Amino acid sequence: MSEFSVGIRQQDTVSILELKGYLDAHTAPELEKAFQKHLNEARYNIVVNFSDLSYISSAGLGVLMQFIEDVRKNDGDIKLSNMSTRVYNVFDLLGFPMLYEIFKDEEEAVGKFLNKSENPS
């Protein structure tokens, strides 16, 4: 079985999910559980940090698509950060940059949430 883990940290009102290893059909349920836990706890500002993710399959991409609508319905968002070129190319090929904000680093992604809450429009 593939090695995969989801680390979870909080920074102010933002949840940071740190993905590590191989995200595929066997490991995608672990990411689903992490997202569902955040929805159940009404935590809708989520940054997914891909710095330690070495592989993502369509099942992993499907998990992101599965939760984005519910998160945005609750005035939240899922922002992506720290992708390797290899992982980014998969997202880019499937048009994900049109659906998600993708940041080079986690600080920038978290800052986007925090700046929004300081300056409501």
C-alpha atoms as a PDB file:
ATOM      1  CA  MET A   1       0.000   0.000   0.000  1.00  0.00           C
ATOM      2  CA  SER A   2       1.181   3.527  -0.768  1.00  0.00           C
ATOM      3  CA  GLU A   3       2.521   5.763   1.984  1.00  0.00           C
ATOM      4  CA  PHE A   4       0.445   8.872   2.546  1.00  0.00           C
ATOM      5  CA  SER A   5      -0.348  11.187   5.433  1.00  0.00           C
ATOM      6  CA  VAL A   6      -2.221  14.405   6.081  1.00  0.00           C
ATOM      7  CA  GLY A   7      -0.793  16.715   8.713  1.00  0.00           C
ATOM      8  CA  ILE A   8      -3.143  19.404  10.035  1.00  0.00           C
ATOM      9  CA  ARG A   9      -2.130  22.746  11.531  1.00  0.00           C
ATOM     10  CA  GLN A  10      -4.032  25.921  12.381  1.00  0.00           C
ATOM     11  CA  GLN A  11      -2.807  29.445  11.739  1.00  0.00           C
ATOM     12  CA  ASP A  12      -5.356  31.951  12.989  1.00  0.00           C
ATOM     13  CA  THR A  13      -8.587  31.148  11.101  1.00  0.00           C
ATOM     14  CA  VAL A  14      -6.816  29.064   8.433  1.00  0.00           C
ATOM     15  CA  SER A  15      -6.433  25.282   8.425  1.00  0.00           C
ATOM     16  CA  ILE A  16      -3.339  23.963   6.708  1.00  0.00           C
ATOM     17  CA  LEU A  17      -3.385  20.420   5.360  1.00  0.00           C
ATOM     18  CA  GLU A  18       0.126  19.126   4.691  1.00  0.00           C
ATOM     19  CA  LEU A  19       0.106  16.262   2.216  1.00  0.00           C
ATOM     20  CA  LYS A  20       2.959  13.777   2.234  1.00  0.00           C
ATOM     21  CA  GLY A  21       3.683  10.808  -0.005  1.00  0.00           C
ATOM     22  CA  TYR A  22       1.472   9.268  -2.690  1.00  0.00           C
ATOM     23  CA  LEU A  23      -2.138  10.390  -3.071  1.00  0.00           C
ATOM     24  CA  ASP A  24      -3.967   7.745  -5.082  1.00  0.00           C
ATOM     25  CA  ALA A  25      -7.165   5.677  -4.987  1.00  0.00           C
ATOM     26  CA  HIS A  26      -5.929   3.744  -1.940  1.00  0.00           C
ATOM     27  CA  THR A  27      -4.993   6.821   0.089  1.00  0.00           C
ATOM     28  CA  ALA A  28      -7.622   9.347  -1.095  1.00  0.00           C
ATOM     29  CA  PRO A  29     -10.080   8.349   1.689  1.00  0.00           C
ATOM     30  CA  GLU A  30      -7.626   9.744   4.255  1.00  0.00           C
ATOM     31  CA  LEU A  31      -7.751  13.157   2.561  1.00  0.00           C
ATOM     32  CA  GLU A  32     -11.555  12.899   2.313  1.00  0.00           C
ATOM     33  CA  LYS A  33     -11.727  12.345   6.080  1.00  0.00           C
ATOM     34  CA  ALA A  34      -9.572  15.419   6.717  1.00  0.00           C
ATOM     35  CA  PHE A  35     -11.787  17.619   4.520  1.00  0.00           C
ATOM     36  CA  GLN A  36     -14.990  16.210   6.022  1.00  0.00           C
ATOM     37  CA  LYS A  37     -13.683  16.880   9.538  1.00  0.00           C
ATOM     38  CA  HIS A  38     -13.101  20.521   8.580  1.00  0.00           C
ATOM     39  CA  LEU A  39     -16.600  20.870   7.134  1.00  0.00           C
ATOM     40  CA  ASN A  40     -18.116  19.270  10.252  1.00  0.00           C
ATOM     41  CA  GLU A  41     -16.205  21.787  12.402  1.00  0.00           C
ATOM     42  CA  ALA A  42     -17.263  24.727  10.157  1.00  0.00           C
ATOM     43  CA  ARG A  43     -13.651  25.423   9.144  1.00  0.00           C
ATOM     44  CA  TYR A  44     -13.820  26.702   5.587  1.00  0.00           C
ATOM     45  CA  ASN A  45     -10.500  28.525   5.063  1.00  0.00           C
ATOM     46  CA  ILE A  46      -8.198  25.743   3.928  1.00  0.00           C
ATOM     47  CA  VAL A  47      -4.696  25.764   2.465  1.00  0.00           C
ATOM     48  CA  VAL A  48      -3.402  22.486   1.046  1.00  0.00           C
ATOM     49  CA  ASN A  49       0.396  22.352   1.148  1.00  0.00           C
ATOM     50  CA  PHE A  50       1.816  19.952  -1.437  1.00  0.00           C
ATOM     51  CA  SER A  51       5.525  20.371  -0.560  1.00  0.00           C
ATOM     52  CA  ASP A  52       5.972  16.714   0.488  1.00  0.00           C
ATOM     53  CA  LEU A  53       3.546  15.175  -2.007  1.00  0.00           C
ATOM     54  CA  SER A  54       5.374  13.176  -4.635  1.00  0.00           C
ATOM     55  CA  TYR A  55       2.424  11.828  -6.620  1.00  0.00           C
ATOM     56  CA  ILE A  56      -1.259  12.585  -7.158  1.00  0.00           C
ATOM     57  CA  SER A  57      -3.729  10.495  -9.153  1.00  0.00           C
ATOM     58  CA  SER A  58      -7.145  11.378 -10.498  1.00  0.00           C
ATOM     59  CA  ALA A  59      -8.638  10.023  -7.256  1.00  0.00           C
ATOM     60  CA  GLY A  60      -6.712  12.669  -5.307  1.00  0.00           C
ATOM     61  CA  LEU A  61      -7.832  15.394  -7.695  1.00  0.00           C
ATOM     62  CA  GLY A  62     -11.388  14.125  -7.299  1.00  0.00           C
ATOM     63  CA  VAL A  63     -11.254  14.680  -3.533  1.00  0.00           C
ATOM     64  CA  LEU A  64     -10.386  18.350  -4.079  1.00  0.00           C
ATOM     65  CA  MET A  65     -13.292  18.705  -6.506  1.00  0.00           C
ATOM     66  CA  GLN A  66     -15.646  16.872  -4.146  1.00  0.00           C
ATOM     67  CA  PHE A  67     -15.326  19.482  -1.365  1.00  0.00           C
ATOM     68  CA  ILE A  68     -14.745  22.806  -3.133  1.00  0.00           C
ATOM     69  CA  GLU A  69     -18.440  23.556  -3.707  1.00  0.00           C
ATOM     70  CA  ASP A  70     -19.415  23.009  -0.055  1.00  0.00           C
ATOM     71  CA  VAL A  71     -16.456  25.065   1.159  1.00  0.00           C
ATOM     72  CA  ARG A  72     -17.271  27.987  -1.161  1.00  0.00           C
ATOM     73  CA  LYS A  73     -20.991  27.817  -0.277  1.00  0.00           C
ATOM     74  CA  ASN A  74     -19.901  28.663   3.255  1.00  0.00           C
ATOM     75  CA  ASP A  75     -17.818  31.694   2.182  1.00  0.00           C
ATOM     76  CA  GLY A  76     -14.566  29.737   2.386  1.00  0.00           C
ATOM     77  CA  ASP A  77     -12.040  28.515  -0.130  1.00  0.00           C
ATOM     78  CA  ILE A  78      -9.382  25.901  -0.728  1.00  0.00           C
ATOM     79  CA  LYS A  79      -6.053  27.388  -1.769  1.00  0.00           C
ATOM     80  CA  LEU A  80      -3.155  25.252  -2.962  1.00  0.00           C
ATOM     81  CA  SER A  81       0.531  25.827  -2.290  1.00  0.00           C
ATOM     82  CA  ASN A  82       4.080  24.486  -2.556  1.00  0.00           C
ATOM     83  CA  MET A  83       3.576  22.202  -5.569  1.00  0.00           C
ATOM     84  CA  SER A  84       6.512  20.545  -7.236  1.00  0.00           C
ATOM     85  CA  THR A  85       6.700  21.124 -10.978  1.00  0.00           C
ATOM     86  CA  ARG A  86       5.614  17.527 -11.551  1.00  0.00           C
ATOM     87  CA  VAL A  87       2.470  17.872  -9.413  1.00  0.00           C
ATOM     88  CA  TYR A  88       1.701  21.358 -10.772  1.00  0.00           C
ATOM     89  CA  ASN A  89       1.844  20.040 -14.355  1.00  0.00           C
ATOM     90  CA  VAL A  90      -0.938  17.544 -13.562  1.00  0.00           C
ATOM     91  CA  PHE A  91      -3.108  20.348 -12.144  1.00  0.00           C
ATOM     92  CA  ASP A  92      -2.296  22.640 -15.047  1.00  0.00           C
ATOM     93  CA  LEU A  93      -3.080  19.994 -17.666  1.00  0.00           C
ATOM     94  CA  LEU A  94      -6.559  19.537 -16.171  1.00  0.00           C
ATOM     95  CA  GLY A  95      -7.311  23.252 -15.889  1.00  0.00           C
ATOM     96  CA  PHE A  96      -7.182  23.467 -12.095  1.00  0.00           C
ATOM     97  CA  PRO A  97      -5.486  26.910 -12.100  1.00  0.00           C
ATOM     98  CA  MET A  98      -8.797  28.275 -13.418  1.00  0.00           C
ATOM     99  CA  LEU A  99     -10.664  26.777 -10.424  1.00  0.00           C
ATOM    100  CA  TYR A 100      -8.164  27.195  -7.587  1.00  0.00           C
ATOM    101  CA  GLU A 101      -5.657  29.808  -6.542  1.00  0.00           C
ATOM    102  CA  ILE A 102      -2.232  28.171  -6.546  1.00  0.00           C
ATOM    103  CA  PHE A 103       0.594  29.800  -4.603  1.00  0.00           C
ATOM    104  CA  LYS A 104       4.329  29.184  -4.629  1.00  0.00           C
ATOM    105  CA  ASP A 105       4.440  29.127  -0.837  1.00  0.00           C
ATOM    106  CA  GLU A 106       2.130  28.524   2.090  1.00  0.00           C
ATOM    107  CA  GLU A 107       2.686  31.936   3.691  1.00  0.00           C
ATOM    108  CA  GLU A 108       1.309  33.684   0.613  1.00  0.00           C
ATOM    109  CA  ALA A 109      -1.771  31.412   0.537  1.00  0.00           C
ATOM    110  CA  VAL A 110      -2.484  31.883   4.259  1.00  0.00           C
ATOM    111  CA  GLY A 111      -1.941  35.641   3.864  1.00  0.00           C
ATOM    112  CA  LYS A 112      -4.624  35.772   1.181  1.00  0.00           C
ATOM    113  CA  PHE A 113      -7.189  34.520   3.737  1.00  0.00           C
ATOM    114  CA  LEU A 114      -5.955  36.728   6.562  1.00  0.00           C
ATOM    115  CA  ASN A 115      -5.865  39.869   4.425  1.00  0.00           C
ATOM    116  CA  LYS A 116      -9.428  39.158   3.257  1.00  0.00           C
ATOM    117  CA  SER A 117     -10.695  38.954   6.833  1.00  0.00           C
ATOM    118  CA  GLU A 118      -8.910  42.216   7.761  1.00  0.00           C
ATOM    119  CA  ASN A 119     -10.278  44.074   4.725  1.00  0.00           C
ATOM    120  CA  PRO A 120     -13.828  42.859   4.086  1.00  0.00           C
ATOM    121  CA  SER A 121     -15.248  44.032   0.785  1.00  0.00           C
END
